[in-house]
Structure formats: C-alpha cells, structure tokens
Amino acid sequence: MAAPLPATLTVTADPSPTQQQQVLTLVARAAERDGHPAVNEAGLLALRRPPERSAVAAAALPRHVLAHDLQSGELIGYAQAIAEEAGPVAAVVVDPDHRRRGVGGDLLRRLASETPGPLRVWATGDTAAARALADSVGLRPVRTLQVLGRSLSGDLPPVQPPAGTSIRTFRPGQDEDGWLSVNARAFAHHPEQGSLTRADLEQRMGEPWFDPDGFFLAVRDASSDTEPAPVPGSESTPSTPIVGFHWTKHEAGATTGEVYVIGVDPAAGVRGLGTPLLGAGLRHLREVGASEVDLYVEADNERALALYHRYGFTLVSADVMYAAPAPAGPG
C-alpha cells in the first residue's frame, strides 16, 4: 500500500488573491532561511499577474500547485510551471519547517502530470537539498546561471561611448518597439530574454521598481556616417537608432541594485559599447542609494564573463536548471 501524501495538493491556472498572498508569504519565508528566493521574477509575475484566459491557449497558461498541511491547512509548499517554446519551466519551494517529508517530490510529480512536455526546473542557489530533490525525480543539470556581484564603492567602468554614439535614457511611449527589436537580436539564442514581447515589456514597466532614468540606451548619433544598412525586421527609426542598452533594477530602500539586462545589437557594427553601458548603469545605481550590485550571466558566456570580471565582479552563487536526461539513441 502506498504511503499517504504528506499534504493535500491543489492545482490551478488562476490563483485567487488569497492564494497569491499565501504563496508570496511562503516564498519570502523560505528566502529568509535560504538566502535567495526559490521563485524568480518571471515566476512571481506569472503568479501575481496571470495572463487573461482569452489571450492564450489553455495549454500555455501557467500551472500552479499548492500543498497544504493535512492537519493545519497551512500552505507548506508551492510549485509552478510556465510555458516556453522549449517546454515548461518550473520552480518549487517548500516551507523550511516541512522539508524532508516528500512534499517537494510530490509537488514536482503532480506538476509534471499537469503540463505538456518534460519539465525543466530551476534550482536557485543550487543547494544540496535542491540537488537531492532533482536526483529523487530523475533530473540532471542542463544549464547554469552564475550570480556575480561587486561593491559600488571605488572605481567604476568608464562611460565614454565609442565615436558616433551617445548614451541616453529610455523614453516610455517612444522607445518600446525599437528596444524590443534590438533585444530580440542581441538575445536571439537566449530562451527567455530573446522572446520578450511588448506585453512582457509593459508588464515589467508596470512594476513599482521600474525607472526609465535607470534604463540606458546607446544610440547612433544623427551625424554619424557609419550607419549600416537597415536590418530586416528592425523597428528602429532615425529618431530611435538604438544599438545597445543597459536596464538596471533598484527597489526602493534596497542596498543592492541589479544589472537587469545589458545587450548590444550584433547587427549594429559598433564595438566597445559594453563597458560604457555598464559604467552608466552602475553609476546610476550608486546615485539612487545602492551600495552593492549583482547580475545573472550564463556560465558559458565567456565574453560577458570577461567584461564583468574585468570590472570587479566575482561569483556569489549559481542557479541551475535541471531536466530529464535525453533518451538514449538506438544502438
């Protein structure tokens, strides 16, 4: 006879405000113990601002699984899956006082049964407990994001842009399409950032932390005689010739800011933009009160890692994506 589940599981594509708050409280409680949140920003947005059912196919709706203690009814675990082109991406969190009871495994198995395609699961911080949970359900590491950080005291990267370019801040209502076009090219091979849509951008612009003064754009000067031929599909116009960007993030009162995303248009033919864009963003974060800064970078992005290491960033932790191993080929 199978052992009873340690909790009751509830599945929904549309969590109620009460359920949302319960999950946010659980995520915060676990983050206080672990030192990092188990659900990333995209996951929290999917929880707090689920897409309209009429706007997406049913299979593309996020799935949420809530685990409640059998006796107290308290929320003790949560898992979610967000649909992406390469398949659903999941996160799971268990209350610190209810771990090692099988709750995490039950959440992942139920989530897998509710989603099309094999799950890929983020483990923020890649703790021993996360590795053990992944192993218990047959998942293996397939991708690593390094978390780098540095102090904002002392020298920062120079901000002088290359000849023929200048740096200004984002103009809401004018720069959205131009930025999306450049972002798509800069992150054409990135599974999340490169697929960002206008709705995704507007969702983030609606967050309390959004500040256009911390969103820096490198643009080609109107007098530049080095402008390349138009890129097919580009939405940039002579008034918004965006060639690179650095979007920073800083929440009110926080001592740590973030290099939210930094990118350069590979079709622009401009070299040397990364350093001044990085410098402009770090100076802004220092000016608004941050004393530390962190960022996320793919562990195999050697070019970006070289830039960050050159300017004092060091490894803080790592987030690891786990997935089922690929089936063995014939033979």
Protein backbone atom coordinates (compact mmCIF):
# COMPACT_ATOMS: atom_id res chain seq x y z
CA MET A 1 0.00 0.00 0.00
CA ALA A 2 1.41 3.43 -0.98
CA ALA A 3 2.30 5.84 1.80
CA PRO A 4 -0.17 8.71 2.19
CA LEU A 5 0.79 12.08 0.78
CA PRO A 6 2.12 14.49 3.45
CA ALA A 7 -0.16 17.22 2.11
CA THR A 8 -3.22 17.90 0.02
CA LEU A 9 -2.43 19.28 -3.44
CA THR A 10 -4.48 21.89 -5.27
CA VAL A 11 -3.91 22.66 -8.96
CA THR A 12 -5.00 25.92 -10.57
CA ALA A 13 -4.23 28.11 -13.58
CA ASP A 14 -5.75 31.15 -11.90
CA PRO A 15 -4.75 31.51 -8.24
CA SER A 16 -7.04 33.66 -6.15
CA PRO A 17 -5.73 36.81 -4.44
CA THR A 18 -5.68 34.87 -1.16
CA GLN A 19 -3.68 32.04 -2.71
CA GLN A 20 -1.29 34.53 -4.32
CA GLN A 21 -0.62 36.17 -0.97
CA GLN A 22 -0.12 32.81 0.73
CA VAL A 23 2.45 31.83 -1.89
CA LEU A 24 4.27 35.17 -1.68
CA THR A 25 4.47 34.80 2.10
CA LEU A 26 5.82 31.25 1.72
CA VAL A 27 8.42 32.34 -0.85
CA ALA A 28 9.57 35.18 1.43
CA ARG A 29 9.77 32.89 4.45
CA ALA A 30 11.84 30.33 2.57
CA ALA A 31 14.08 33.06 1.09
CA GLU A 32 14.81 34.37 4.59
CA ARG A 33 16.07 30.93 5.57
CA ASP A 34 17.84 30.09 2.28
CA GLY A 35 19.27 33.48 1.40
CA HIS A 36 17.62 33.62 -2.02
CA PRO A 37 14.07 33.30 -3.42
CA ALA A 38 13.12 29.93 -4.91
CA VAL A 39 10.85 31.57 -7.50
CA ASN A 40 12.45 34.03 -9.91
CA GLU A 41 10.99 37.28 -11.21
CA ALA A 42 9.26 35.71 -14.21
CA GLY A 43 7.64 33.20 -11.89
CA LEU A 44 6.45 35.86 -9.46
CA LEU A 45 4.98 37.87 -12.36
CA ALA A 46 3.14 34.77 -13.57
CA LEU A 47 1.75 34.33 -10.06
CA ARG A 48 0.74 37.94 -9.41
CA ARG A 49 -0.34 38.85 -12.93
CA PRO A 50 -1.58 35.69 -14.66
CA PRO A 51 -2.43 36.13 -18.36
CA GLU A 52 -6.04 36.51 -19.40
CA ARG A 53 -7.51 33.14 -20.31
CA SER A 54 -8.86 34.60 -23.54
CA ALA A 55 -5.40 35.83 -24.56
CA VAL A 56 -3.54 32.50 -24.61
CA ALA A 57 -4.28 28.86 -25.36
CA ALA A 58 -5.21 26.74 -22.35
CA ALA A 59 -2.00 24.71 -22.66
CA ALA A 60 0.07 27.92 -22.43
CA LEU A 61 -1.44 29.05 -19.14
CA PRO A 62 0.87 28.79 -16.11
CA ARG A 63 0.13 25.90 -13.77
CA HIS A 64 0.27 26.34 -10.02
CA VAL A 65 0.25 23.52 -7.46
CA LEU A 66 -0.30 24.38 -3.79
CA ALA A 67 0.44 21.94 -0.97
CA HIS A 68 -1.48 22.37 2.28
CA ASP A 69 -0.68 20.54 5.51
CA LEU A 70 -3.22 17.78 6.15
CA GLN A 71 -3.86 18.81 9.74
CA SER A 72 -3.43 22.57 9.98
CA GLY A 73 -4.40 23.50 6.42
CA GLU A 74 -1.31 25.75 6.28
CA LEU A 75 0.37 26.27 2.90
CA ILE A 76 3.64 24.36 3.14
CA GLY A 77 4.72 24.04 -0.49
CA TYR A 78 4.24 25.50 -3.94
CA ALA A 79 5.25 24.65 -7.49
CA GLN A 80 4.61 26.38 -10.79
CA ALA A 81 5.26 25.77 -14.48
CA ILE A 82 5.45 28.48 -17.14
CA ALA A 83 5.06 27.53 -20.79
CA GLU A 84 8.00 28.32 -23.08
CA GLU A 85 8.87 27.32 -26.62
CA ALA A 86 11.32 24.67 -25.48
CA GLY A 87 8.87 23.30 -22.91
CA PRO A 88 7.54 24.20 -19.46
CA VAL A 89 9.92 25.75 -16.91
CA ALA A 90 9.21 25.03 -13.26
CA ALA A 91 10.09 26.24 -9.78
CA VAL A 92 9.31 24.66 -6.43
CA VAL A 93 9.51 25.87 -2.83
CA VAL A 94 8.81 24.05 0.44
CA ASP A 95 8.39 25.67 3.84
CA PRO A 96 11.66 25.29 5.81
CA ASP A 97 9.84 23.58 8.69
CA HIS A 98 8.26 20.96 6.41
CA ARG A 99 11.20 19.79 4.34
CA ARG A 100 12.48 16.22 4.03
CA ARG A 101 8.92 14.89 4.13
CA GLY A 102 8.47 14.30 0.41
CA VAL A 103 6.48 17.48 -0.24
CA GLY A 104 8.84 18.75 -2.95
CA GLY A 105 8.82 15.47 -4.84
CA ASP A 106 5.02 15.24 -4.68
CA LEU A 107 4.71 18.80 -5.99
CA LEU A 108 7.02 18.13 -8.94
CA ARG A 109 5.34 14.86 -9.87
CA ARG A 110 1.89 16.44 -9.76
CA LEU A 111 3.11 19.44 -11.75
CA ALA A 112 4.63 17.14 -14.38
CA SER A 113 1.30 15.35 -14.75
CA GLU A 114 -0.45 18.68 -15.38
CA THR A 115 1.87 20.09 -18.05
CA PRO A 116 2.65 19.09 -21.65
CA GLY A 117 6.22 18.02 -22.28
CA PRO A 118 9.03 17.27 -19.80
CA LEU A 119 9.67 19.81 -17.06
CA ARG A 120 12.82 21.87 -16.75
CA VAL A 121 13.25 23.02 -13.15
CA TRP A 122 15.22 25.98 -11.79
CA ALA A 123 17.08 25.49 -8.53
CA THR A 124 18.11 28.93 -7.26
CA GLY A 125 21.28 28.78 -5.23
CA ASP A 126 21.72 25.13 -6.25
CA THR A 127 21.62 23.92 -2.66
CA ALA A 128 22.31 20.38 -1.56
CA ALA A 129 18.58 19.99 -0.85
CA ALA A 130 17.72 21.10 -4.40
CA ARG A 131 20.24 18.66 -5.87
CA ALA A 132 18.81 15.84 -3.77
CA LEU A 133 15.25 16.68 -4.84
CA ALA A 134 16.26 16.78 -8.51
CA ASP A 135 18.02 13.44 -8.19
CA SER A 136 15.00 11.88 -6.46
CA VAL A 137 12.81 12.60 -9.50
CA GLY A 138 15.44 11.71 -12.10
CA LEU A 139 16.53 15.21 -13.18
CA ARG A 140 20.04 16.23 -14.21
CA PRO A 141 21.70 19.69 -14.54
CA VAL A 142 21.45 21.16 -18.06
CA ARG A 143 22.12 24.90 -17.64
CA THR A 144 23.81 27.20 -15.13
CA LEU A 145 23.34 30.90 -14.44
CA GLN A 146 26.12 32.47 -12.43
CA VAL A 147 25.20 35.21 -9.96
CA LEU A 148 28.01 37.78 -9.82
CA GLY A 149 28.32 40.77 -7.53
CA ARG A 150 30.56 43.66 -6.52
CA SER A 151 30.60 46.73 -4.30
CA LEU A 152 29.62 50.06 -5.85
CA SER A 153 32.33 51.89 -3.93
CA GLY A 154 35.59 52.75 -5.62
CA ASP A 155 36.27 52.90 -9.34
CA LEU A 156 33.54 52.09 -11.83
CA PRO A 157 33.83 51.40 -15.57
CA PRO A 158 34.34 54.46 -17.81
CA VAL A 159 31.24 55.85 -19.51
CA GLN A 160 32.65 57.42 -22.68
CA PRO A 161 30.87 55.67 -25.59
CA PRO A 162 32.52 54.90 -28.93
CA ALA A 163 32.72 57.63 -31.57
CA GLY A 164 29.44 58.16 -33.39
CA THR A 165 27.30 57.02 -30.44
CA SER A 166 25.89 58.50 -27.26
CA ILE A 167 24.01 57.20 -24.21
CA ARG A 168 20.61 58.46 -23.13
CA THR A 169 17.74 57.09 -21.06
CA PHE A 170 14.65 55.21 -22.19
CA ARG A 171 11.62 57.24 -23.30
CA PRO A 172 8.34 55.47 -22.45
CA GLY A 173 5.89 55.68 -25.31
CA GLN A 174 8.67 56.11 -27.89
CA ASP A 175 11.38 53.51 -27.44
CA GLU A 176 9.45 50.29 -26.81
CA ASP A 177 9.43 48.89 -30.35
CA GLY A 178 12.99 49.92 -31.10
CA TRP A 179 14.24 48.36 -27.90
CA LEU A 180 12.30 45.13 -28.45
CA SER A 181 13.82 44.79 -31.91
CA VAL A 182 17.38 45.25 -30.65
CA ASN A 183 16.75 43.00 -27.63
CA ALA A 184 15.49 40.20 -29.89
CA ARG A 185 18.65 40.35 -32.00
CA ALA A 186 21.00 40.70 -29.03
CA PHE A 187 19.45 37.66 -27.34
CA ALA A 188 18.42 35.65 -30.39
CA HIS A 189 19.75 32.45 -28.81
CA HIS A 190 18.58 33.16 -25.26
CA PRO A 191 15.47 31.12 -24.36
CA GLU A 192 13.82 33.76 -22.16
CA GLN A 193 15.21 37.24 -22.83
CA GLY A 194 15.17 36.95 -26.62
CA SER A 195 11.48 36.07 -26.73
CA LEU A 196 10.31 39.07 -24.69
CA THR A 197 7.13 40.59 -26.15
CA ARG A 198 5.56 44.05 -25.96
CA ALA A 199 3.19 42.70 -23.31
CA ASP A 200 6.15 41.34 -21.31
CA LEU A 201 7.91 44.70 -21.52
CA GLU A 202 4.80 46.62 -20.47
CA GLN A 203 4.28 44.21 -17.58
CA ARG A 204 7.75 44.99 -16.26
CA MET A 205 7.30 48.70 -16.88
CA GLY A 206 4.25 48.47 -14.63
CA GLU A 207 6.28 47.13 -11.72
CA PRO A 208 6.93 49.53 -8.79
CA TRP A 209 10.70 49.31 -9.31
CA PHE A 210 10.66 50.43 -12.96
CA ASP A 211 12.51 53.70 -13.52
CA PRO A 212 13.20 54.98 -17.05
CA ASP A 213 16.09 57.01 -15.61
CA GLY A 214 17.81 53.68 -14.88
CA PHE A 215 17.21 52.28 -18.39
CA PHE A 216 20.13 53.36 -20.58
CA LEU A 217 20.19 53.23 -24.37
CA ALA A 218 23.22 53.58 -26.61
CA VAL A 219 22.11 55.31 -29.80
CA ARG A 220 23.83 56.22 -33.03
CA ASP A 221 24.41 59.95 -33.35
CA ALA A 222 22.38 61.66 -36.05
CA SER A 223 25.59 62.95 -37.63
CA SER A 224 27.25 59.52 -37.69
CA ASP A 225 28.45 58.49 -41.15
CA THR A 226 28.93 54.87 -40.11
CA GLU A 227 25.29 53.82 -40.01
CA PRO A 228 24.84 50.35 -41.54
CA ALA A 229 22.07 49.29 -43.90
CA PRO A 230 18.70 48.73 -42.20
CA VAL A 231 18.30 45.35 -40.56
CA PRO A 232 15.31 43.35 -41.87
CA GLY A 233 12.58 43.33 -39.24
CA SER A 234 14.09 46.22 -37.30
CA GLU A 235 11.66 48.69 -35.77
CA SER A 236 14.34 51.32 -35.11
CA THR A 237 13.81 54.64 -36.88
CA PRO A 238 16.08 57.65 -37.40
CA SER A 239 14.71 59.04 -34.11
CA THR A 240 15.42 55.82 -32.18
CA PRO A 241 18.62 54.29 -33.66
CA ILE A 242 19.24 52.05 -30.65
CA VAL A 243 22.44 49.98 -30.81
CA GLY A 244 22.74 48.79 -27.20
CA PHE A 245 21.21 49.07 -23.75
CA HIS A 246 21.64 48.59 -20.01
CA TRP A 247 18.45 48.23 -17.99
CA THR A 248 19.06 48.47 -14.25
CA LYS A 249 16.78 47.47 -11.40
CA HIS A 250 16.62 49.01 -7.94
CA GLU A 251 13.80 48.58 -5.45
CA ALA A 252 13.05 51.47 -3.10
CA GLY A 253 15.18 51.28 0.04
CA ALA A 254 17.26 48.32 -1.16
CA THR A 255 21.02 48.39 -0.70
CA THR A 256 21.59 46.07 -3.66
CA GLY A 257 20.86 47.02 -7.25
CA GLU A 258 20.88 44.79 -10.30
CA VAL A 259 22.27 44.79 -13.81
CA TYR A 260 18.85 43.67 -15.00
CA VAL A 261 19.84 43.16 -18.63
CA ILE A 262 22.61 44.54 -20.82
CA GLY A 263 22.93 43.91 -24.53
CA VAL A 264 24.42 45.18 -27.79
CA ASP A 265 22.85 44.87 -31.25
CA PRO A 266 25.05 42.37 -33.14
CA ALA A 267 23.94 43.93 -36.43
CA ALA A 268 24.99 47.47 -35.48
CA GLY A 269 28.69 47.05 -36.22
CA VAL A 270 29.69 49.09 -33.14
CA ARG A 271 32.44 47.80 -30.86
CA GLY A 272 33.19 48.87 -27.30
CA LEU A 273 29.65 49.57 -26.08
CA GLY A 274 29.58 47.09 -23.21
CA THR A 275 31.94 48.99 -20.93
CA PRO A 276 30.30 52.46 -21.11
CA LEU A 277 26.82 50.98 -20.83
CA LEU A 278 27.90 49.02 -17.75
CA GLY A 279 29.51 52.13 -16.28
CA ALA A 280 26.45 54.31 -16.85
CA GLY A 281 24.18 51.82 -15.12
CA LEU A 282 26.47 51.23 -12.14
CA ARG A 283 26.83 54.97 -11.55
CA HIS A 284 23.05 55.35 -11.59
CA LEU A 285 22.61 52.54 -9.06
CA ARG A 286 25.14 54.18 -6.76
CA GLU A 287 23.40 57.55 -7.11
CA VAL A 288 19.99 56.10 -6.10
CA GLY A 289 21.40 54.57 -2.93
CA ALA A 290 22.64 51.08 -3.76
CA SER A 291 25.95 50.03 -2.24
CA GLU A 292 26.16 46.63 -3.93
CA VAL A 293 25.15 45.31 -7.33
CA ASP A 294 24.56 41.84 -8.71
CA LEU A 295 23.73 40.29 -12.06
CA TYR A 296 22.92 36.98 -13.73
CA VAL A 297 25.00 35.62 -16.60
CA GLU A 298 25.10 32.30 -18.45
CA ALA A 299 28.03 30.24 -17.20
CA ASP A 300 29.18 29.59 -20.77
CA ASN A 301 29.05 33.25 -21.90
CA GLU A 302 32.80 33.78 -21.87
CA ARG A 303 32.69 37.25 -23.46
CA ALA A 304 30.26 38.65 -20.88
CA LEU A 305 32.09 36.98 -18.01
CA ALA A 306 35.37 38.56 -19.16
CA LEU A 307 33.75 42.03 -19.12
CA TYR A 308 32.29 41.57 -15.64
CA HIS A 309 35.46 40.07 -14.15
CA ARG A 310 37.49 42.94 -15.63
CA TYR A 311 35.41 45.39 -13.60
CA GLY A 312 35.48 43.62 -10.27
CA PHE A 313 32.51 41.24 -10.31
CA THR A 314 33.03 37.93 -8.52
CA LEU A 315 30.96 34.78 -8.15
CA VAL A 316 28.28 34.93 -5.46
CA SER A 317 26.20 31.82 -6.22
CA ALA A 318 24.69 29.90 -9.11
CA ASP A 319 21.21 28.94 -10.29
CA VAL A 320 20.98 25.57 -12.03
CA MET A 321 18.32 24.27 -14.37
CA TYR A 322 17.55 20.57 -14.10
CA ALA A 323 15.80 18.41 -16.69
CA ALA A 324 15.21 14.79 -17.52
CA PRO A 325 18.16 13.30 -19.43
CA ALA A 326 17.70 12.92 -23.17
CA PRO A 327 16.62 9.41 -24.20
CA ALA A 328 19.44 7.20 -25.40
CA GLY A 329 19.72 6.81 -29.15
CA PRO A 330 19.37 3.47 -30.93
CA GLY A 331 22.28 1.10 -30.99
